[in-house]
Amino acid sequence: MGQNASLVVEVEIDAPVEVVKSLFKDFPRFPEWSSWSIEPAVSSKKIDDLMPMEKMKVDVKDAKLTATLIVSDSIQMP
């Protein structure tokens, strides 16, 4: 059967944390500055309503991924 893969990426950004978080969490505006598209895995949900541990569909050029939201405005998972 298929294999599950895990990828962890770290990037250092020269900007205040709150600025980066506000841009990164603004999923509907991603197309303004990124070639990625992000949407909820469940089509009846809005991207802004996702809670930690919910799935997102991520399209990065030629790769289509499923991601799990780990951090929300008020909740951070361990």
PDB file of N, CA and C in Angstrom:
ATOM      1  N   MET A   1       0.830  -1.187   0.000  1.00  0.00           N
ATOM      2  CA  MET A   1       0.000   0.000   0.000  1.00  0.00           C
ATOM      3  C   MET A   1       0.870   1.244   0.000  1.00  0.00           C
ATOM      4  N   GLY A   2       0.234   2.400  -0.040  1.00  0.00           N
ATOM      5  CA  GLY A   2       0.966   3.666  -0.069  1.00  0.00           C
ATOM      6  C   GLY A   2       1.683   3.955   1.233  1.00  0.00           C
ATOM      7  N   GLN A   3       2.671   4.780   1.146  1.00  0.00           N
ATOM      8  CA  GLN A   3       3.441   5.169   2.320  1.00  0.00           C
ATOM      9  C   GLN A   3       3.060   6.578   2.737  1.00  0.00           C
ATOM     10  N   ASN A   4       3.089   6.826   4.035  1.00  0.00           N
ATOM     11  CA  ASN A   4       2.903   8.183   4.542  1.00  0.00           C
ATOM     12  C   ASN A   4       4.266   8.827   4.704  1.00  0.00           C
ATOM     13  N   ALA A   5       4.375  10.063   4.320  1.00  0.00           N
ATOM     14  CA  ALA A   5       5.635  10.781   4.451  1.00  0.00           C
ATOM     15  C   ALA A   5       5.416  12.010   5.309  1.00  0.00           C
ATOM     16  N   SER A   6       6.469  12.419   5.968  1.00  0.00           N
ATOM     17  CA  SER A   6       6.406  13.618   6.798  1.00  0.00           C
ATOM     18  C   SER A   6       7.551  14.530   6.389  1.00  0.00           C
ATOM     19  N   LEU A   7       7.259  15.810   6.306  1.00  0.00           N
ATOM     20  CA  LEU A   7       8.270  16.785   5.928  1.00  0.00           C
ATOM     21  C   LEU A   7       8.185  17.954   6.884  1.00  0.00           C
ATOM     22  N   VAL A   8       9.309  18.316   7.467  1.00  0.00           N
ATOM     23  CA  VAL A   8       9.377  19.479   8.349  1.00  0.00           C
ATOM     24  C   VAL A   8      10.322  20.478   7.700  1.00  0.00           C
ATOM     25  N   VAL A   9       9.876  21.719   7.581  1.00  0.00           N
ATOM     26  CA  VAL A   9      10.682  22.761   6.955  1.00  0.00           C
ATOM     27  C   VAL A   9      10.776  23.936   7.912  1.00  0.00           C
ATOM     28  N   GLU A  10      11.973  24.465   8.081  1.00  0.00           N
ATOM     29  CA  GLU A  10      12.171  25.661   8.898  1.00  0.00           C
ATOM     30  C   GLU A  10      12.740  26.761   8.015  1.00  0.00           C
ATOM     31  N   VAL A  11      12.202  27.958   8.174  1.00  0.00           N
ATOM     32  CA  VAL A  11      12.654  29.110   7.403  1.00  0.00           C
ATOM     33  C   VAL A  11      12.836  30.270   8.367  1.00  0.00           C
ATOM     34  N   GLU A  12      13.964  30.956   8.267  1.00  0.00           N
ATOM     35  CA  GLU A  12      14.187  32.143   9.095  1.00  0.00           C
ATOM     36  C   GLU A  12      13.764  33.372   8.297  1.00  0.00           C
ATOM     37  N   ILE A  13      12.867  34.162   8.876  1.00  0.00           N
ATOM     38  CA  ILE A  13      12.334  35.351   8.205  1.00  0.00           C
ATOM     39  C   ILE A  13      12.706  36.579   9.020  1.00  0.00           C
ATOM     40  N   ASP A  14      13.277  37.566   8.359  1.00  0.00           N
ATOM     41  CA  ASP A  14      13.708  38.790   9.036  1.00  0.00           C
ATOM     42  C   ASP A  14      12.542  39.770   9.134  1.00  0.00           C
ATOM     43  N   ALA A  15      11.622  39.471  10.054  1.00  0.00           N
ATOM     44  CA  ALA A  15      10.448  40.325  10.279  1.00  0.00           C
ATOM     45  C   ALA A  15       9.894  39.994  11.661  1.00  0.00           C
ATOM     46  N   PRO A  16       9.157  40.914  12.260  1.00  0.00           N
ATOM     47  CA  PRO A  16       8.555  40.630  13.563  1.00  0.00           C
ATOM     48  C   PRO A  16       7.587  39.441  13.482  1.00  0.00           C
ATOM     49  N   VAL A  17       7.561  38.642  14.520  1.00  0.00           N
ATOM     50  CA  VAL A  17       6.728  37.439  14.564  1.00  0.00           C
ATOM     51  C   VAL A  17       5.260  37.751  14.266  1.00  0.00           C
ATOM     52  N   GLU A  18       4.715  38.785  14.862  1.00  0.00           N
ATOM     53  CA  GLU A  18       3.296  39.098  14.667  1.00  0.00           C
ATOM     54  C   GLU A  18       2.980  39.447  13.212  1.00  0.00           C
ATOM     55  N   VAL A  19       3.908  40.101  12.527  1.00  0.00           N
ATOM     56  CA  VAL A  19       3.699  40.435  11.112  1.00  0.00           C
ATOM     57  C   VAL A  19       3.654  39.155  10.278  1.00  0.00           C
ATOM     58  N   VAL A  20       4.600  38.267  10.517  1.00  0.00           N
ATOM     59  CA  VAL A  20       4.659  37.010   9.772  1.00  0.00           C
ATOM     60  C   VAL A  20       3.410  36.175  10.043  1.00  0.00           C
ATOM     61  N   LYS A  21       3.036  36.056  11.317  1.00  0.00           N
ATOM     62  CA  LYS A  21       1.848  35.270  11.665  1.00  0.00           C
ATOM     63  C   LYS A  21       0.596  35.833  11.008  1.00  0.00           C
ATOM     64  N   SER A  22       0.440  37.139  11.013  1.00  0.00           N
ATOM     65  CA  SER A  22      -0.774  37.722  10.438  1.00  0.00           C
ATOM     66  C   SER A  22      -0.840  37.488   8.928  1.00  0.00           C
ATOM     67  N   LEU A  23       0.293  37.553   8.243  1.00  0.00           N
ATOM     68  CA  LEU A  23       0.310  37.284   6.805  1.00  0.00           C
ATOM     69  C   LEU A  23       0.069  35.810   6.510  1.00  0.00           C
ATOM     70  N   PHE A  24       0.739  34.951   7.251  1.00  0.00           N
ATOM     71  CA  PHE A  24       0.646  33.524   6.977  1.00  0.00           C
ATOM     72  C   PHE A  24      -0.739  32.974   7.282  1.00  0.00           C
ATOM     73  N   LYS A  25      -1.395  33.520   8.283  1.00  0.00           N
ATOM     74  CA  LYS A  25      -2.725  33.026   8.653  1.00  0.00           C
ATOM     75  C   LYS A  25      -3.837  33.636   7.804  1.00  0.00           C
ATOM     76  N   ASP A  26      -3.505  34.564   6.937  1.00  0.00           N
ATOM     77  CA  ASP A  26      -4.503  35.186   6.073  1.00  0.00           C
ATOM     78  C   ASP A  26      -4.606  34.365   4.783  1.00  0.00           C
ATOM     79  N   PHE A  27      -5.124  33.132   4.906  1.00  0.00           N
ATOM     80  CA  PHE A  27      -5.165  32.195   3.788  1.00  0.00           C
ATOM     81  C   PHE A  27      -5.850  32.746   2.538  1.00  0.00           C
ATOM     82  N   PRO A  28      -6.972  33.473   2.663  1.00  0.00           N
ATOM     83  CA  PRO A  28      -7.624  33.971   1.448  1.00  0.00           C
ATOM     84  C   PRO A  28      -6.737  34.912   0.618  1.00  0.00           C
ATOM     85  N   ARG A  29      -5.758  35.560   1.254  1.00  0.00           N
ATOM     86  CA  ARG A  29      -4.898  36.499   0.516  1.00  0.00           C
ATOM     87  C   ARG A  29      -3.595  35.857   0.038  1.00  0.00           C
ATOM     88  N   PHE A  30      -3.408  34.564   0.270  1.00  0.00           N
ATOM     89  CA  PHE A  30      -2.194  33.887  -0.183  1.00  0.00           C
ATOM     90  C   PHE A  30      -1.871  34.168  -1.649  1.00  0.00           C
ATOM     91  N   PRO A  31      -2.845  34.105  -2.552  1.00  0.00           N
ATOM     92  CA  PRO A  31      -2.512  34.314  -3.967  1.00  0.00           C
ATOM     93  C   PRO A  31      -1.888  35.675  -4.269  1.00  0.00           C
ATOM     94  N   GLU A  32      -2.045  36.648  -3.379  1.00  0.00           N
ATOM     95  CA  GLU A  32      -1.451  37.970  -3.602  1.00  0.00           C
ATOM     96  C   GLU A  32       0.071  37.949  -3.495  1.00  0.00           C
ATOM     97  N   TRP A  33       0.634  36.990  -2.739  1.00  0.00           N
ATOM     98  CA  TRP A  33       2.078  36.992  -2.532  1.00  0.00           C
ATOM     99  C   TRP A  33       2.719  35.610  -2.679  1.00  0.00           C
ATOM    100  N   SER A  34       1.913  34.585  -2.937  1.00  0.00           N
ATOM    101  CA  SER A  34       2.447  33.232  -3.009  1.00  0.00           C
ATOM    102  C   SER A  34       1.808  32.471  -4.163  1.00  0.00           C
ATOM    103  N   SER A  35       2.534  31.518  -4.710  1.00  0.00           N
ATOM    104  CA  SER A  35       1.971  30.667  -5.759  1.00  0.00           C
ATOM    105  C   SER A  35       1.195  29.492  -5.162  1.00  0.00           C
ATOM    106  N   TRP A  36       1.199  29.357  -3.849  1.00  0.00           N
ATOM    107  CA  TRP A  36       0.456  28.291  -3.172  1.00  0.00           C
ATOM    108  C   TRP A  36      -1.028  28.608  -3.168  1.00  0.00           C
ATOM    109  N   SER A  37      -1.851  27.576  -3.102  1.00  0.00           N
ATOM    110  CA  SER A  37      -3.260  27.766  -2.778  1.00  0.00           C
ATOM    111  C   SER A  37      -3.578  26.859  -1.592  1.00  0.00           C
ATOM    112  N   ILE A  38      -4.356  27.366  -0.667  1.00  0.00           N
ATOM    113  CA  ILE A  38      -4.714  26.623   0.539  1.00  0.00           C
ATOM    114  C   ILE A  38      -6.220  26.723   0.723  1.00  0.00           C
ATOM    115  N   GLU A  39      -6.843  25.572   0.949  1.00  0.00           N
ATOM    116  CA  GLU A  39      -8.282  25.549   1.205  1.00  0.00           C
ATOM    117  C   GLU A  39      -8.592  24.415   2.176  1.00  0.00           C
ATOM    118  N   PRO A  40      -9.727  24.476   2.844  1.00  0.00           N
ATOM    119  CA  PRO A  40     -10.082  23.407   3.777  1.00  0.00           C
ATOM    120  C   PRO A  40     -10.251  22.084   3.034  1.00  0.00           C
ATOM    121  N   ALA A  41      -9.897  20.986   3.683  1.00  0.00           N
ATOM    122  CA  ALA A  41     -10.106  19.668   3.089  1.00  0.00           C
ATOM    123  C   ALA A  41     -11.599  19.353   3.011  1.00  0.00           C
ATOM    124  N   VAL A  42     -12.377  19.895   3.931  1.00  0.00           N
ATOM    125  CA  VAL A  42     -13.834  19.730   3.928  1.00  0.00           C
ATOM    126  C   VAL A  42     -14.424  20.957   3.236  1.00  0.00           C
ATOM    127  N   SER A  43     -15.038  20.748   2.087  1.00  0.00           N
ATOM    128  CA  SER A  43     -15.475  21.880   1.263  1.00  0.00           C
ATOM    129  C   SER A  43     -16.556  22.741   1.910  1.00  0.00           C
ATOM    130  N   SER A  44     -17.263  22.228   2.907  1.00  0.00           N
ATOM    131  CA  SER A  44     -18.314  23.027   3.554  1.00  0.00           C
ATOM    132  C   SER A  44     -17.754  24.014   4.575  1.00  0.00           C
ATOM    133  N   LYS A  45     -16.459  23.911   4.891  1.00  0.00           N
ATOM    134  CA  LYS A  45     -15.834  24.811   5.870  1.00  0.00           C
ATOM    135  C   LYS A  45     -15.219  26.013   5.174  1.00  0.00           C
ATOM    136  N   LYS A  46     -15.104  27.111   5.914  1.00  0.00           N
ATOM    137  CA  LYS A  46     -14.361  28.277   5.451  1.00  0.00           C
ATOM    138  C   LYS A  46     -12.943  28.171   5.999  1.00  0.00           C
ATOM    139  N   ILE A  47     -11.973  28.625   5.243  1.00  0.00           N
ATOM    140  CA  ILE A  47     -10.577  28.534   5.671  1.00  0.00           C
ATOM    141  C   ILE A  47     -10.350  29.272   6.985  1.00  0.00           C
ATOM    142  N   ASP A  48     -11.038  30.387   7.190  1.00  0.00           N
ATOM    143  CA  ASP A  48     -10.859  31.162   8.418  1.00  0.00           C
ATOM    144  C   ASP A  48     -11.442  30.478   9.648  1.00  0.00           C
ATOM    145  N   ASP A  49     -12.284  29.465   9.451  1.00  0.00           N
ATOM    146  CA  ASP A  49     -12.932  28.785  10.573  1.00  0.00           C
ATOM    147  C   ASP A  49     -12.219  27.513  11.001  1.00  0.00           C
ATOM    148  N   LEU A  50     -11.111  27.173  10.355  1.00  0.00           N
ATOM    149  CA  LEU A  50     -10.400  25.949  10.716  1.00  0.00           C
ATOM    150  C   LEU A  50      -9.840  26.033  12.129  1.00  0.00           C
ATOM    151  N   MET A  51      -9.889  24.920  12.813  1.00  0.00           N
ATOM    152  CA  MET A  51      -9.361  24.798  14.167  1.00  0.00           C
ATOM    153  C   MET A  51      -8.153  23.866  14.126  1.00  0.00           C
ATOM    154  N   PRO A  52      -7.309  23.895  15.174  1.00  0.00           N
ATOM    155  CA  PRO A  52      -6.158  22.995  15.209  1.00  0.00           C
ATOM    156  C   PRO A  52      -6.565  21.543  14.978  1.00  0.00           C
ATOM    157  N   MET A  53      -5.734  20.850  14.251  1.00  0.00           N
ATOM    158  CA  MET A  53      -5.844  19.445  13.889  1.00  0.00           C
ATOM    159  C   MET A  53      -6.811  19.201  12.728  1.00  0.00           C
ATOM    160  N   GLU A  54      -7.364  20.251  12.135  1.00  0.00           N
ATOM    161  CA  GLU A  54      -8.193  20.073  10.947  1.00  0.00           C
ATOM    162  C   GLU A  54      -7.302  20.099   9.708  1.00  0.00           C
ATOM    163  N   LYS A  55      -7.747  19.431   8.667  1.00  0.00           N
ATOM    164  CA  LYS A  55      -6.965  19.258   7.448  1.00  0.00           C
ATOM    165  C   LYS A  55      -7.209  20.379   6.443  1.00  0.00           C
ATOM    166  N   MET A  56      -6.134  20.676   5.680  1.00  0.00           N
ATOM    167  CA  MET A  56      -6.186  21.655   4.598  1.00  0.00           C
ATOM    168  C   MET A  56      -5.622  21.006   3.341  1.00  0.00           C
ATOM    169  N   LYS A  57      -6.129  21.405   2.186  1.00  0.00           N
ATOM    170  CA  LYS A  57      -5.544  20.999   0.915  1.00  0.00           C
ATOM    171  C   LYS A  57      -4.599  22.115   0.485  1.00  0.00           C
ATOM    172  N   VAL A  58      -3.372  21.744   0.160  1.00  0.00           N
ATOM    173  CA  VAL A  58      -2.355  22.720  -0.230  1.00  0.00           C
ATOM    174  C   VAL A  58      -1.865  22.359  -1.629  1.00  0.00           C
ATOM    175  N   ASP A  59      -1.880  23.324  -2.519  1.00  0.00           N
ATOM    176  CA  ASP A  59      -1.397  23.133  -3.882  1.00  0.00           C
ATOM    177  C   ASP A  59      -0.164  24.014  -4.055  1.00  0.00           C
ATOM    178  N   VAL A  60       0.997  23.372  -4.171  1.00  0.00           N
ATOM    179  CA  VAL A  60       2.270  24.081  -4.314  1.00  0.00           C
ATOM    180  C   VAL A  60       2.826  23.741  -5.696  1.00  0.00           C
ATOM    181  N   LYS A  61       2.527  24.587  -6.650  1.00  0.00           N
ATOM    182  CA  LYS A  61       2.929  24.364  -8.045  1.00  0.00           C
ATOM    183  C   LYS A  61       2.460  22.986  -8.507  1.00  0.00           C
ATOM    184  N   ASP A  62       3.390  22.036  -8.703  1.00  0.00           N
ATOM    185  CA  ASP A  62       3.029  20.719  -9.221  1.00  0.00           C
ATOM    186  C   ASP A  62       2.714  19.705  -8.126  1.00  0.00           C
ATOM    187  N   ALA A  63       2.804  20.092  -6.878  1.00  0.00           N
ATOM    188  CA  ALA A  63       2.556  19.159  -5.775  1.00  0.00           C
ATOM    189  C   ALA A  63       1.240  19.495  -5.082  1.00  0.00           C
ATOM    190  N   LYS A  64       0.469  18.471  -4.804  1.00  0.00           N
ATOM    191  CA  LYS A  64      -0.769  18.645  -4.050  1.00  0.00           C
ATOM    192  C   LYS A  64      -0.598  17.902  -2.733  1.00  0.00           C
ATOM    193  N   LEU A  65      -0.779  18.614  -1.623  1.00  0.00           N
ATOM    194  CA  LEU A  65      -0.526  18.063  -0.300  1.00  0.00           C
ATOM    195  C   LEU A  65      -1.755  18.201   0.579  1.00  0.00           C
ATOM    196  N   THR A  66      -1.782  17.404   1.643  1.00  0.00           N
ATOM    197  CA  THR A  66      -2.759  17.590   2.709  1.00  0.00           C
ATOM    198  C   THR A  66      -1.974  17.993   3.939  1.00  0.00           C
ATOM    199  N   ALA A  67      -2.345  19.105   4.545  1.00  0.00           N
ATOM    200  CA  ALA A  67      -1.644  19.621   5.724  1.00  0.00           C
ATOM    201  C   ALA A  67      -2.606  19.648   6.901  1.00  0.00           C
ATOM    202  N   THR A  68      -2.038  19.633   8.103  1.00  0.00           N
ATOM    203  CA  THR A  68      -2.828  19.724   9.326  1.00  0.00           C
ATOM    204  C   THR A  68      -2.523  21.049   9.994  1.00  0.00           C
ATOM    205  N   LEU A  69      -3.559  21.809  10.321  1.00  0.00           N
ATOM    206  CA  LEU A  69      -3.383  23.076  11.024  1.00  0.00           C
ATOM    207  C   LEU A  69      -2.971  22.783  12.463  1.00  0.00           C
ATOM    208  N   ILE A  70      -1.848  23.318  12.909  1.00  0.00           N
ATOM    209  CA  ILE A  70      -1.340  23.081  14.257  1.00  0.00           C
ATOM    210  C   ILE A  70      -1.615  24.265  15.165  1.00  0.00           C
ATOM    211  N   VAL A  71      -1.538  25.483  14.641  1.00  0.00           N
ATOM    212  CA  VAL A  71      -1.687  26.680  15.472  1.00  0.00           C
ATOM    213  C   VAL A  71      -2.877  27.493  14.981  1.00  0.00           C
ATOM    214  N   SER A  72      -3.635  28.003  15.925  1.00  0.00           N
ATOM    215  CA  SER A  72      -4.742  28.903  15.629  1.00  0.00           C
ATOM    216  C   SER A  72      -4.506  30.170  16.434  1.00  0.00           C
ATOM    217  N   ASP A  73      -5.337  31.196  16.252  1.00  0.00           N
ATOM    218  CA  ASP A  73      -5.155  32.451  16.984  1.00  0.00           C
ATOM    219  C   ASP A  73      -5.033  32.246  18.483  1.00  0.00           C
ATOM    220  N   SER A  74      -5.874  31.401  19.038  1.00  0.00           N
ATOM    221  CA  SER A  74      -5.917  31.284  20.493  1.00  0.00           C
ATOM    222  C   SER A  74      -5.457  29.937  21.018  1.00  0.00           C
ATOM    223  N   ILE A  75      -5.189  28.980  20.140  1.00  0.00           N
ATOM    224  CA  ILE A  75      -4.849  27.635  20.592  1.00  0.00           C
ATOM    225  C   ILE A  75      -3.557  27.198  19.929  1.00  0.00           C
ATOM    226  N   GLN A  76      -2.642  26.636  20.698  1.00  0.00           N
ATOM    227  CA  GLN A  76      -1.433  26.062  20.120  1.00  0.00           C
ATOM    228  C   GLN A  76      -1.332  24.628  20.592  1.00  0.00           C
ATOM    229  N   MET A  77      -1.200  23.725  19.649  1.00  0.00           N
ATOM    230  CA  MET A  77      -1.090  22.312  19.987  1.00  0.00           C
ATOM    231  C   MET A  77       0.357  22.006  20.340  1.00  0.00           C
ATOM    232  N   PRO A  78       0.591  21.012  21.198  1.00  0.00           N
ATOM    233  CA  PRO A  78       1.979  20.652  21.567  1.00  0.00           C
ATOM    234  C   PRO A  78       2.745  20.086  20.395  1.00  0.00           C
TER     235      PRO A  78
END
